[in-house]
C-alpha atoms as a PDB file:
ATOM      1  CA  UNK A   1      77.525  64.005 128.930  1.00  0.00           C
ATOM      2  CA  UNK A   2      75.076  65.835 131.200  1.00  0.00           C
ATOM      3  CA  UNK A   3      75.734  65.888 134.952  1.00  0.00           C
ATOM      4  CA  UNK A   4      73.043  66.640 137.536  1.00  0.00           C
ATOM      5  CA  UNK A   5      73.050  66.832 141.302  1.00  0.00           C
ATOM      6  CA  UNK A   6      70.527  64.269 142.562  1.00  0.00           C
ATOM      7  CA  UNK A   7      68.121  64.586 139.614  1.00  0.00           C
ATOM      8  CA  UNK A   8      67.486  66.819 136.596  1.00  0.00           C
ATOM      9  CA  UNK A   9      65.420  69.988 137.121  1.00  0.00           C
ATOM     10  CA  UNK A  10      61.833  69.643 135.886  1.00  0.00           C
ATOM     11  CA  UNK A  11      62.468  71.324 132.520  1.00  0.00           C
ATOM     12  CA  UNK A  12      65.389  68.933 131.779  1.00  0.00           C
ATOM     13  CA  UNK A  13      63.660  65.680 132.666  1.00  0.00           C
ATOM     14  CA  UNK A  14      63.024  63.109 129.957  1.00  0.00           C
ATOM     15  CA  UNK A  15      62.459  59.338 129.892  1.00  0.00           C
ATOM     16  CA  UNK A  16      65.663  57.323 130.207  1.00  0.00           C
ATOM     17  CA  UNK A  17      67.235  53.897 130.598  1.00  0.00           C
ATOM     18  CA  UNK A  18      68.788  53.783 134.069  1.00  0.00           C
ATOM     19  CA  UNK A  19      71.154  51.829 136.261  1.00  0.00           C
ATOM     20  CA  UNK A  20      71.996  52.590 139.884  1.00  0.00           C
ATOM     21  CA  UNK A  21      75.116  52.075 141.974  1.00  0.00           C
ATOM     22  CA  UNK A  22      78.187  53.514 143.657  1.00  0.00           C
ATOM     23  CA  UNK A  23      80.446  52.509 140.732  1.00  0.00           C
ATOM     24  CA  UNK A  24      83.595  52.938 142.824  1.00  0.00           C
ATOM     25  CA  UNK A  25      86.502  52.092 140.524  1.00  0.00           C
ATOM     26  CA  UNK A  26      84.365  51.498 137.430  1.00  0.00           C
ATOM     27  CA  UNK A  27      85.739  47.954 137.115  1.00  0.00           C
ATOM     28  CA  UNK A  28      84.990  45.487 134.309  1.00  0.00           C
ATOM     29  CA  UNK A  29      81.779  44.395 136.023  1.00  0.00           C
ATOM     30  CA  UNK A  30      80.514  47.977 136.050  1.00  0.00           C
ATOM     31  CA  UNK A  31      81.573  48.360 132.432  1.00  0.00           C
ATOM     32  CA  UNK A  32      79.549  45.270 131.499  1.00  0.00           C
ATOM     33  CA  UNK A  33      76.474  46.785 133.166  1.00  0.00           C
ATOM     34  CA  UNK A  34      76.889  50.018 131.202  1.00  0.00           C
ATOM     35  CA  UNK A  35      77.487  48.151 127.919  1.00  0.00           C
ATOM     36  CA  UNK A  36      74.280  46.169 128.418  1.00  0.00           C
ATOM     37  CA  UNK A  37      72.388  49.315 129.398  1.00  0.00           C
ATOM     38  CA  UNK A  38      73.566  51.084 126.240  1.00  0.00           C
ATOM     39  CA  UNK A  39      72.314  48.210 124.103  1.00  0.00           C
ATOM     40  CA  UNK A  40      68.915  48.190 125.829  1.00  0.00           C
ATOM     41  CA  UNK A  41      68.666  51.992 125.661  1.00  0.00           C
ATOM     42  CA  UNK A  42      69.392  52.073 121.904  1.00  0.00           C
ATOM     43  CA  UNK A  43      66.701  49.468 121.268  1.00  0.00           C
ATOM     44  CA  UNK A  44      64.190  51.697 123.070  1.00  0.00           C
ATOM     45  CA  UNK A  45      65.389  55.056 121.796  1.00  0.00           C
ATOM     46  CA  UNK A  46      66.285  56.236 125.302  1.00  0.00           C
ATOM     47  CA  UNK A  47      69.312  58.083 126.707  1.00  0.00           C
ATOM     48  CA  UNK A  48      71.656  56.126 128.989  1.00  0.00           C
ATOM     49  CA  UNK A  49      71.474  57.401 132.578  1.00  0.00           C
ATOM     50  CA  UNK A  50      73.357  56.482 135.761  1.00  0.00           C
ATOM     51  CA  UNK A  51      72.252  57.318 139.297  1.00  0.00           C
ATOM     52  CA  UNK A  52      75.150  57.279 141.740  1.00  0.00           C
ATOM     53  CA  UNK A  53      75.793  58.577 145.256  1.00  0.00           C
ATOM     54  CA  UNK A  54      78.178  60.950 147.004  1.00  0.00           C
ATOM     55  CA  UNK A  55      79.345  60.225 149.607  1.00  0.00           C
ATOM     56  CA  UNK A  56      79.303  56.432 149.486  1.00  0.00           C
ATOM     57  CA  UNK A  57      76.310  55.344 151.632  1.00  0.00           C
ATOM     58  CA  UNK A  58      78.587  53.312 153.893  1.00  0.00           C
ATOM     59  CA  UNK A  59      80.740  56.413 154.456  1.00  0.00           C
ATOM     60  CA  UNK A  60      77.620  58.285 155.534  1.00  0.00           C
ATOM     61  CA  UNK A  61      76.518  55.585 157.987  1.00  0.00           C
ATOM     62  CA  UNK A  62      80.056  55.205 159.369  1.00  0.00           C
ATOM     63  CA  UNK A  63      80.248  58.953 160.063  1.00  0.00           C
ATOM     64  CA  UNK A  64      76.876  58.795 161.824  1.00  0.00           C
ATOM     65  CA  UNK A  65      78.052  55.862 163.942  1.00  0.00           C
ATOM     66  CA  UNK A  66      81.259  57.681 164.917  1.00  0.00           C
ATOM     67  CA  UNK A  67      79.256  60.780 165.878  1.00  0.00           C
ATOM     68  CA  UNK A  68      77.030  58.574 168.017  1.00  0.00           C
ATOM     69  CA  UNK A  69      80.002  57.292 170.001  1.00  0.00           C
ATOM     70  CA  UNK A  70      81.134  54.259 168.024  1.00  0.00           C
ATOM     71  CA  UNK A  71      84.717  55.214 167.044  1.00  0.00           C
ATOM     72  CA  UNK A  72      85.489  51.805 165.531  1.00  0.00           C
ATOM     73  CA  UNK A  73      82.915  52.234 162.749  1.00  0.00           C
ATOM     74  CA  UNK A  74      84.591  52.234 159.335  1.00  0.00           C
ATOM     75  CA  UNK A  75      83.573  52.602 155.717  1.00  0.00           C
ATOM     76  CA  UNK A  76      85.193  50.924 152.715  1.00  0.00           C
ATOM     77  CA  UNK A  77      88.301  52.568 151.342  1.00  0.00           C
ATOM     78  CA  UNK A  78      87.792  54.614 148.183  1.00  0.00           C
ATOM     79  CA  UNK A  79      89.160  53.479 144.832  1.00  0.00           C
ATOM     80  CA  UNK A  80      88.306  56.500 142.723  1.00  0.00           C
ATOM     81  CA  UNK A  81      87.551  60.170 143.112  1.00  0.00           C
ATOM     82  CA  UNK A  82      84.231  61.529 141.903  1.00  0.00           C
ATOM     83  CA  UNK A  83      86.099  63.147 139.002  1.00  0.00           C
ATOM     84  CA  UNK A  84      87.589  59.781 137.993  1.00  0.00           C
ATOM     85  CA  UNK A  85      84.241  58.011 138.301  1.00  0.00           C
ATOM     86  CA  UNK A  86      82.398  60.565 136.163  1.00  0.00           C
ATOM     87  CA  UNK A  87      85.168  60.485 133.542  1.00  0.00           C
ATOM     88  CA  UNK A  88      84.989  56.673 133.386  1.00  0.00           C
ATOM     89  CA  UNK A  89      81.208  56.781 132.974  1.00  0.00           C
ATOM     90  CA  UNK A  90      81.583  59.274 130.130  1.00  0.00           C
ATOM     91  CA  UNK A  91      84.169  57.026 128.464  1.00  0.00           C
ATOM     92  CA  UNK A  92      81.659  54.159 128.602  1.00  0.00           C
ATOM     93  CA  UNK A  93      79.092  56.174 126.650  1.00  0.00           C
ATOM     94  CA  UNK A  94      76.755  57.330 129.424  1.00  0.00           C
ATOM     95  CA  UNK A  95      74.543  60.270 128.407  1.00  0.00           C
ATOM     96  CA  UNK A  96      73.462  61.515 131.844  1.00  0.00           C
ATOM     97  CA  UNK A  97      74.816  61.121 135.378  1.00  0.00           C
ATOM     98  CA  UNK A  98      72.711  62.015 138.398  1.00  0.00           C
ATOM     99  CA  UNK A  99      74.832  62.385 141.538  1.00  0.00           C
ATOM    100  CA  UNK A 100      72.552  62.076 144.556  1.00  0.00           C
ATOM    101  CA  UNK A 101      73.911  63.477 147.800  1.00  0.00           C
ATOM    102  CA  UNK A 102      73.523  60.637 150.281  1.00  0.00           C
ATOM    103  CA  UNK A 103      72.228  62.307 153.439  1.00  0.00           C
ATOM    104  CA  UNK A 104      69.603  61.793 156.139  1.00  0.00           C
ATOM    105  CA  UNK A 105      66.817  62.758 153.746  1.00  0.00           C
ATOM    106  CA  UNK A 106      67.773  60.206 151.123  1.00  0.00           C
ATOM    107  CA  UNK A 107      68.624  57.522 153.685  1.00  0.00           C
ATOM    108  CA  UNK A 108      65.174  57.791 155.265  1.00  0.00           C
ATOM    109  CA  UNK A 109      63.194  57.186 152.064  1.00  0.00           C
ATOM    110  CA  UNK A 110      61.236  53.944 152.082  1.00  0.00           C
ATOM    111  CA  UNK A 111      61.751  51.680 149.056  1.00  0.00           C
ATOM    112  CA  UNK A 112      58.385  52.803 147.676  1.00  0.00           C
ATOM    113  CA  UNK A 113      59.257  56.490 148.152  1.00  0.00           C
ATOM    114  CA  UNK A 114      62.639  55.957 146.509  1.00  0.00           C
ATOM    115  CA  UNK A 115      60.968  54.457 143.445  1.00  0.00           C
ATOM    116  CA  UNK A 116      58.186  57.032 143.227  1.00  0.00           C
ATOM    117  CA  UNK A 117      60.166  60.199 144.067  1.00  0.00           C
ATOM    118  CA  UNK A 118      63.595  59.434 142.587  1.00  0.00           C
ATOM    119  CA  UNK A 119      63.315  56.772 139.883  1.00  0.00           C
ATOM    120  CA  UNK A 120      59.944  57.716 138.411  1.00  0.00           C
ATOM    121  CA  UNK A 121      59.283  61.335 139.395  1.00  0.00           C
ATOM    122  CA  UNK A 122      62.831  62.687 139.357  1.00  0.00           C
ATOM    123  CA  UNK A 123      64.771  60.681 136.787  1.00  0.00           C
ATOM    124  CA  UNK A 124      61.794  59.454 134.691  1.00  0.00           C
ATOM    125  CA  UNK A 125      62.990  55.872 134.412  1.00  0.00           C
ATOM    126  CA  UNK A 126      61.416  53.815 131.631  1.00  0.00           C
ATOM    127  CA  UNK A 127      63.906  50.952 131.724  1.00  0.00           C
ATOM    128  CA  UNK A 128      65.915  49.894 134.807  1.00  0.00           C
ATOM    129  CA  UNK A 129      68.894  47.524 134.831  1.00  0.00           C
ATOM    130  CA  UNK A 130      70.368  46.496 138.199  1.00  0.00           C
ATOM    131  CA  UNK A 131      72.895  44.024 139.548  1.00  0.00           C
ATOM    132  CA  UNK A 132      71.741  40.882 141.291  1.00  0.00           C
ATOM    133  CA  UNK A 133      72.770  42.199 144.738  1.00  0.00           C
ATOM    134  CA  UNK A 134      71.090  45.618 144.490  1.00  0.00           C
ATOM    135  CA  UNK A 135      69.366  46.873 147.665  1.00  0.00           C
ATOM    136  CA  UNK A 136      67.680  50.245 148.180  1.00  0.00           C
ATOM    137  CA  UNK A 137      65.529  52.314 150.522  1.00  0.00           C
ATOM    138  CA  UNK A 138      65.691  52.816 154.274  1.00  0.00           C
ATOM    139  CA  UNK A 139      67.443  49.940 156.081  1.00  0.00           C
ATOM    140  CA  UNK A 140      68.165  48.415 152.639  1.00  0.00           C
ATOM    141  CA  UNK A 141      64.662  46.978 152.711  1.00  0.00           C
ATOM    142  CA  UNK A 142      64.138  47.086 148.936  1.00  0.00           C
ATOM    143  CA  UNK A 143      65.372  44.323 146.631  1.00  0.00           C
ATOM    144  CA  UNK A 144      64.753  42.932 143.149  1.00  0.00           C
ATOM    145  CA  UNK A 145      61.536  41.168 144.209  1.00  0.00           C
ATOM    146  CA  UNK A 146      60.047  44.435 145.455  1.00  0.00           C
ATOM    147  CA  UNK A 147      61.129  46.249 142.294  1.00  0.00           C
ATOM    148  CA  UNK A 148      59.289  43.615 140.279  1.00  0.00           C
ATOM    149  CA  UNK A 149      56.126  44.449 142.211  1.00  0.00           C
ATOM    150  CA  UNK A 150      56.566  48.192 141.709  1.00  0.00           C
ATOM    151  CA  UNK A 151      57.800  48.271 138.119  1.00  0.00           C
ATOM    152  CA  UNK A 152      54.580  47.653 136.187  1.00  0.00           C
ATOM    153  CA  UNK A 153      52.290  49.972 138.219  1.00  0.00           C
ATOM    154  CA  UNK A 154      54.819  52.811 138.012  1.00  0.00           C
ATOM    155  CA  UNK A 155      55.563  52.342 134.322  1.00  0.00           C
ATOM    156  CA  UNK A 156      59.111  51.008 133.823  1.00  0.00           C
ATOM    157  CA  UNK A 157      60.670  47.811 132.544  1.00  0.00           C
ATOM    158  CA  UNK A 158      63.011  45.941 134.857  1.00  0.00           C
ATOM    159  CA  UNK A 159      65.897  43.579 134.189  1.00  0.00           C
ATOM    160  CA  UNK A 160      68.636  42.105 136.323  1.00  0.00           C
ATOM    161  CA  UNK A 161      72.240  41.462 135.250  1.00  0.00           C
ATOM    162  CA  UNK A 162      74.046  38.497 136.780  1.00  0.00           C
ATOM    163  CA  UNK A 163      77.398  38.872 138.506  1.00  0.00           C
ATOM    164  CA  UNK A 164      80.488  39.238 136.322  1.00  0.00           C
ATOM    165  CA  UNK A 165      83.227  36.749 137.233  1.00  0.00           C
ATOM    166  CA  UNK A 166      86.935  36.462 136.508  1.00  0.00           C
ATOM    167  CA  UNK A 167      88.534  33.036 136.865  1.00  0.00           C
ATOM    168  CA  UNK A 168      85.561  31.905 138.949  1.00  0.00           C
ATOM    169  CA  UNK A 169      85.707  34.882 141.331  1.00  0.00           C
ATOM    170  CA  UNK A 170      83.165  37.695 141.503  1.00  0.00           C
ATOM    171  CA  UNK A 171      84.439  41.001 140.144  1.00  0.00           C
ATOM    172  CA  UNK A 172      83.566  43.697 142.660  1.00  0.00           C
ATOM    173  CA  UNK A 173      84.829  46.929 144.113  1.00  0.00           C
ATOM    174  CA  UNK A 174      85.856  44.912 147.166  1.00  0.00           C
ATOM    175  CA  UNK A 175      88.106  42.683 145.057  1.00  0.00           C
ATOM    176  CA  UNK A 176      89.709  45.776 143.496  1.00  0.00           C
ATOM    177  CA  UNK A 177      90.287  47.262 146.956  1.00  0.00           C
ATOM    178  CA  UNK A 178      91.938  44.046 148.103  1.00  0.00           C
ATOM    179  CA  UNK A 179      94.243  44.016 145.070  1.00  0.00           C
ATOM    180  CA  UNK A 180      95.263  47.625 145.637  1.00  0.00           C
ATOM    181  CA  UNK A 181      95.806  47.113 149.374  1.00  0.00           C
ATOM    182  CA  UNK A 182      98.151  44.241 148.487  1.00  0.00           C
ATOM    183  CA  UNK A 183      99.846  46.370 145.791  1.00  0.00           C
ATOM    184  CA  UNK A 184      98.940  43.684 143.248  1.00  0.00           C
ATOM    185  CA  UNK A 185      98.758  46.090 140.324  1.00  0.00           C
ATOM    186  CA  UNK A 186      98.585  43.408 137.585  1.00  0.00           C
ATOM    187  CA  UNK A 187      95.458  41.994 139.262  1.00  0.00           C
ATOM    188  CA  UNK A 188      94.012  45.480 139.766  1.00  0.00           C
ATOM    189  CA  UNK A 189      94.600  46.185 136.067  1.00  0.00           C
ATOM    190  CA  UNK A 190      92.788  42.982 135.105  1.00  0.00           C
ATOM    191  CA  UNK A 191      89.816  43.811 137.348  1.00  0.00           C
ATOM    192  CA  UNK A 192      89.624  47.444 136.247  1.00  0.00           C
ATOM    193  CA  UNK A 193      90.342  46.831 132.565  1.00  0.00           C
ATOM    194  CA  UNK A 194      93.024  49.562 132.736  1.00  0.00           C
ATOM    195  CA  UNK A 195      95.977  50.519 134.967  1.00  0.00           C
ATOM    196  CA  UNK A 196      94.986  52.048 138.277  1.00  0.00           C
ATOM    197  CA  UNK A 197      95.381  55.821 138.423  1.00  0.00           C
ATOM    198  CA  UNK A 198      94.198  58.937 140.266  1.00  0.00           C
ATOM    199  CA  UNK A 199      93.403  62.192 138.474  1.00  0.00           C
ATOM    200  CA  UNK A 200      93.494  65.706 139.888  1.00  0.00           C
ATOM    201  CA  UNK A 201      94.648  69.306 139.602  1.00  0.00           C
ATOM    202  CA  UNK A 202      98.202  70.157 140.599  1.00  0.00           C
ATOM    203  CA  UNK A 203      98.249  72.334 143.736  1.00  0.00           C
ATOM    204  CA  UNK A 204     100.812  74.575 145.373  1.00  0.00           C
ATOM    205  CA  UNK A 205     102.433  72.866 148.352  1.00  0.00           C
ATOM    206  CA  UNK A 206     104.885  73.830 151.093  1.00  0.00           C
ATOM    207  CA  UNK A 207     107.848  73.444 148.694  1.00  0.00           C
ATOM    208  CA  UNK A 208     109.657  71.093 151.109  1.00  0.00           C
ATOM    209  CA  UNK A 209     110.438  68.685 148.287  1.00  0.00           C
ATOM    210  CA  UNK A 210     112.206  71.445 146.375  1.00  0.00           C
ATOM    211  CA  UNK A 211     114.233  72.260 149.499  1.00  0.00           C
ATOM    212  CA  UNK A 212     115.264  68.612 149.720  1.00  0.00           C
ATOM    213  CA  UNK A 213     116.272  68.565 146.064  1.00  0.00           C
ATOM    214  CA  UNK A 214     113.245  66.518 144.984  1.00  0.00           C
ATOM    215  CA  UNK A 215     110.449  68.908 143.888  1.00  0.00           C
ATOM    216  CA  UNK A 216     107.002  67.348 143.921  1.00  0.00           C
ATOM    217  CA  UNK A 217     103.742  67.766 142.063  1.00  0.00           C
ATOM    218  CA  UNK A 218     100.902  67.757 144.614  1.00  0.00           C
ATOM    219  CA  UNK A 219      97.348  66.463 144.086  1.00  0.00           C
ATOM    220  CA  UNK A 220      94.764  66.537 146.878  1.00  0.00           C
ATOM    221  CA  UNK A 221      92.873  63.332 147.709  1.00  0.00           C
ATOM    222  CA  UNK A 222      89.262  64.387 148.455  1.00  0.00           C
ATOM    223  CA  UNK A 223      88.349  61.578 150.838  1.00  0.00           C
ATOM    224  CA  UNK A 224      89.709  60.186 154.094  1.00  0.00           C
ATOM    225  CA  UNK A 225      90.456  56.545 153.268  1.00  0.00           C
ATOM    226  CA  UNK A 226      92.095  55.829 149.898  1.00  0.00           C
ATOM    227  CA  UNK A 227      92.466  52.234 148.763  1.00  0.00           C
ATOM    228  CA  UNK A 228      96.263  52.374 149.027  1.00  0.00           C
ATOM    229  CA  UNK A 229      98.971  54.152 151.021  1.00  0.00           C
ATOM    230  CA  UNK A 230     102.705  54.286 150.654  1.00  0.00           C
ATOM    231  CA  UNK A 231     105.467  55.147 148.227  1.00  0.00           C
ATOM    232  CA  UNK A 232     105.086  54.027 144.618  1.00  0.00           C
ATOM    233  CA  UNK A 233     106.672  53.889 141.203  1.00  0.00           C
ATOM    234  CA  UNK A 234     104.376  55.941 138.937  1.00  0.00           C
ATOM    235  CA  UNK A 235     103.816  57.475 135.526  1.00  0.00           C
ATOM    236  CA  UNK A 236     102.198  60.911 135.145  1.00  0.00           C
ATOM    237  CA  UNK A 237      99.978  61.529 132.129  1.00  0.00           C
ATOM    238  CA  UNK A 238      98.806  64.888 130.803  1.00  0.00           C
ATOM    239  CA  UNK A 239     102.018  66.885 131.124  1.00  0.00           C
ATOM    240  CA  UNK A 240     103.761  65.846 127.929  1.00  0.00           C
ATOM    241  CA  UNK A 241     102.810  63.804 124.897  1.00  0.00           C
ATOM    242  CA  UNK A 242     104.468  60.801 126.532  1.00  0.00           C
ATOM    243  CA  UNK A 243     104.010  59.786 130.171  1.00  0.00           C
ATOM    244  CA  UNK A 244     106.574  61.142 132.637  1.00  0.00           C
ATOM    245  CA  UNK A 245     108.151  58.609 134.983  1.00  0.00           C
ATOM    246  CA  UNK A 246     108.508  59.265 138.668  1.00  0.00           C
ATOM    247  CA  UNK A 247     108.025  58.201 142.269  1.00  0.00           C
ATOM    248  CA  UNK A 248     105.069  59.214 144.451  1.00  0.00           C
ATOM    249  CA  UNK A 249     103.936  59.192 148.052  1.00  0.00           C
ATOM    250  CA  UNK A 250     100.240  58.819 148.870  1.00  0.00           C
ATOM    251  CA  UNK A 251      99.429  59.484 152.503  1.00  0.00           C
ATOM    252  CA  UNK A 252      99.596  62.021 155.317  1.00  0.00           C
ATOM    253  CA  UNK A 253     103.374  62.676 155.248  1.00  0.00           C
ATOM    254  CA  UNK A 254     104.301  61.393 158.740  1.00  0.00           C
ATOM    255  CA  UNK A 255     107.944  62.116 157.903  1.00  0.00           C
ATOM    256  CA  UNK A 256     107.395  65.889 158.021  1.00  0.00           C
ATOM    257  CA  UNK A 257     104.202  66.663 159.979  1.00  0.00           C
ATOM    258  CA  UNK A 258     101.665  65.234 162.371  1.00  0.00           C
ATOM    259  CA  UNK A 259      97.990  65.030 161.397  1.00  0.00           C
ATOM    260  CA  UNK A 260      98.937  66.031 157.860  1.00  0.00           C
ATOM    261  CA  UNK A 261      96.509  66.453 154.987  1.00  0.00           C
ATOM    262  CA  UNK A 262      96.065  63.429 152.763  1.00  0.00           C
ATOM    263  CA  UNK A 263      98.056  64.160 149.621  1.00  0.00           C
ATOM    264  CA  UNK A 264      99.487  62.535 146.524  1.00  0.00           C
ATOM    265  CA  UNK A 265     103.018  63.935 146.082  1.00  0.00           C
ATOM    266  CA  UNK A 266     104.853  62.980 142.892  1.00  0.00           C
ATOM    267  CA  UNK A 267     108.501  63.604 142.085  1.00  0.00           C
ATOM    268  CA  UNK A 268     108.937  63.436 138.310  1.00  0.00           C
ATOM    269  CA  UNK A 269     112.199  62.395 136.699  1.00  0.00           C
ATOM    270  CA  UNK A 270     113.890  64.810 134.303  1.00  0.00           C
ATOM    271  CA  UNK A 271     110.957  67.226 134.435  1.00  0.00           C
ATOM    272  CA  UNK A 272     111.230  70.905 135.346  1.00  0.00           C
ATOM    273  CA  UNK A 273     108.222  72.597 133.759  1.00  0.00           C
ATOM    274  CA  UNK A 274     105.306  74.571 135.281  1.00  0.00           C
ATOM    275  CA  UNK A 275     102.479  72.214 136.245  1.00  0.00           C
ATOM    276  CA  UNK A 276     100.335  74.180 138.739  1.00  0.00           C
ATOM    277  CA  UNK A 277      96.659  74.076 137.863  1.00  0.00           C
ATOM    278  CA  UNK A 278      97.074  71.375 135.241  1.00  0.00           C
ATOM    279  CA  UNK A 279      94.943  68.243 135.265  1.00  0.00           C
ATOM    280  CA  UNK A 280      97.175  65.182 135.592  1.00  0.00           C
ATOM    281  CA  UNK A 281      96.592  61.454 135.874  1.00  0.00           C
ATOM    282  CA  UNK A 282      99.037  59.544 138.070  1.00  0.00           C
ATOM    283  CA  UNK A 283      99.278  55.853 137.131  1.00  0.00           C
ATOM    284  CA  UNK A 284     100.539  53.456 139.813  1.00  0.00           C
ATOM    285  CA  UNK A 285     103.084  50.909 138.587  1.00  0.00           C
ATOM    286  CA  UNK A 286     104.525  49.238 141.721  1.00  0.00           C
ATOM    287  CA  UNK A 287     104.853  49.780 145.459  1.00  0.00           C
ATOM    288  CA  UNK A 288     108.269  50.555 146.944  1.00  0.00           C
ATOM    289  CA  UNK A 289     107.487  50.808 150.662  1.00  0.00           C
ATOM    290  CA  UNK A 290     105.096  52.052 153.340  1.00  0.00           C
ATOM    291  CA  UNK A 291     105.169  55.609 154.662  1.00  0.00           C
ATOM    292  CA  UNK A 292     107.254  56.157 157.791  1.00  0.00           C
ATOM    293  CA  UNK A 293     108.829  58.882 159.936  1.00  0.00           C
ATOM    294  CA  UNK A 294     112.502  59.877 159.847  1.00  0.00           C
ATOM    295  CA  UNK A 295     114.801  61.289 162.510  1.00  0.00           C
ATOM    296  CA  UNK A 296     116.013  64.141 160.293  1.00  0.00           C
ATOM    297  CA  UNK A 297     115.510  65.821 156.938  1.00  0.00           C
ATOM    298  CA  UNK A 298     118.863  64.392 155.847  1.00  0.00           C
ATOM    299  CA  UNK A 299     117.561  60.880 156.490  1.00  0.00           C
ATOM    300  CA  UNK A 300     114.392  61.701 154.557  1.00  0.00           C
ATOM    301  CA  UNK A 301     116.459  63.101 151.666  1.00  0.00           C
ATOM    302  CA  UNK A 302     118.557  59.925 151.546  1.00  0.00           C
ATOM    303  CA  UNK A 303     115.448  57.730 151.503  1.00  0.00           C
ATOM    304  CA  UNK A 304     113.839  59.715 148.676  1.00  0.00           C
ATOM    305  CA  UNK A 305     117.065  59.391 146.680  1.00  0.00           C
ATOM    306  CA  UNK A 306     116.980  55.633 147.251  1.00  0.00           C
ATOM    307  CA  UNK A 307     113.310  55.443 146.245  1.00  0.00           C
ATOM    308  CA  UNK A 308     114.044  57.384 143.062  1.00  0.00           C
ATOM    309  CA  UNK A 309     116.981  55.129 142.229  1.00  0.00           C
ATOM    310  CA  UNK A 310     114.890  51.982 142.685  1.00  0.00           C
ATOM    311  CA  UNK A 311     112.126  53.440 140.511  1.00  0.00           C
ATOM    312  CA  UNK A 312     114.567  54.362 137.736  1.00  0.00           C
ATOM    313  CA  UNK A 313     116.044  50.869 137.875  1.00  0.00           C
ATOM    314  CA  UNK A 314     112.582  49.352 137.563  1.00  0.00           C
ATOM    315  CA  UNK A 315     111.776  51.478 134.510  1.00  0.00           C
ATOM    316  CA  UNK A 316     115.162  50.571 132.979  1.00  0.00           C
ATOM    317  CA  UNK A 317     114.448  46.852 133.411  1.00  0.00           C
ATOM    318  CA  UNK A 318     111.009  47.325 131.890  1.00  0.00           C
ATOM    319  CA  UNK A 319     112.502  49.171 128.904  1.00  0.00           C
ATOM    320  CA  UNK A 320     115.086  46.443 128.345  1.00  0.00           C
ATOM    321  CA  UNK A 321     112.362  43.806 128.190  1.00  0.00           C
ATOM    322  CA  UNK A 322     110.633  45.773 125.427  1.00  0.00           C
ATOM    323  CA  UNK A 323     113.769  46.518 123.413  1.00  0.00           C
ATOM    324  CA  UNK A 324     113.350  45.007 119.905  1.00  0.00           C
ATOM    325  CA  UNK A 325     115.769  42.241 119.135  1.00  0.00           C
ATOM    326  CA  UNK A 326     118.316  43.011 116.426  1.00  0.00           C
ATOM    327  CA  UNK A 327     117.534  41.519 113.006  1.00  0.00           C
ATOM    328  CA  UNK A 328     119.197  38.140 112.336  1.00  0.00           C
ATOM    329  CA  UNK A 329     122.364  38.129 110.294  1.00  0.00           C
ATOM    330  CA  UNK A 330     121.658  37.489 106.653  1.00  0.00           C
ATOM    331  CA  UNK A 331     123.129  34.298 105.263  1.00  0.00           C
ATOM    332  CA  UNK A 332     123.919  33.545 101.649  1.00  0.00           C
END
């Protein structure tokens, strides 16, 4: 898969079938859009292209509002890192991803300029598939009706995909965020089409976990507001052939420092191998508790031991439910 910042350079541009969106979480609704786009692209002999944004436009506008003296402005929490989003798009069969930096320049484009400069001039769209709630251009002034007016004169086909529903409810990034905030991982799995996980490189930390007797594998979270916080039962993929069980904390570590860096810290069970620099995927299984401060390191050590015990017990119960029943006694 080819990856471009904003749009391909002139010598790499070629006609494509395109869809546009933030694709945070790459849930089953997003996957349906990509599957339809692939079908339409094959019929037209075009590569499958996705235009997405970094940061999320609502993150950009929230930061502007805060800078202008509105401290209560907030953006949606993030479900996935850019790495996770790009990997999910590749797994869905996308040929090209254009990651447009959402800044003042892009935000100020009128709908007509967005179509002419980005969709037609930059990406060379010949077929465009969008969701039924798609808005674009400065002040979100552009919609499907305006795209219909602009499509024929600028030379691309346009289609709209209706909302994907699950049990009568719209599947959206917002519904995934709500499931994760409630630690409803079975629902999140159903909406995402896979267990929820975060992927990243293992970093060197302050080694406090090792001092406490619970060494951790640290992964940086590259945004300010993840979709979940707390202490979780997890599985780590990418270290061994089979997943490694463990317990993880996702947050700012109020137990050991103030104004700490947002971090995913994972203590793995029965694992003592070098992991620094390796790419791992941490799958969230269940929530144990919220983050909190402790009066002493001894109290923190005792709580981590309790968290680890509860996580091991949960995995043991899960294993017992999947233990094959013994064969029935043979009877003559």
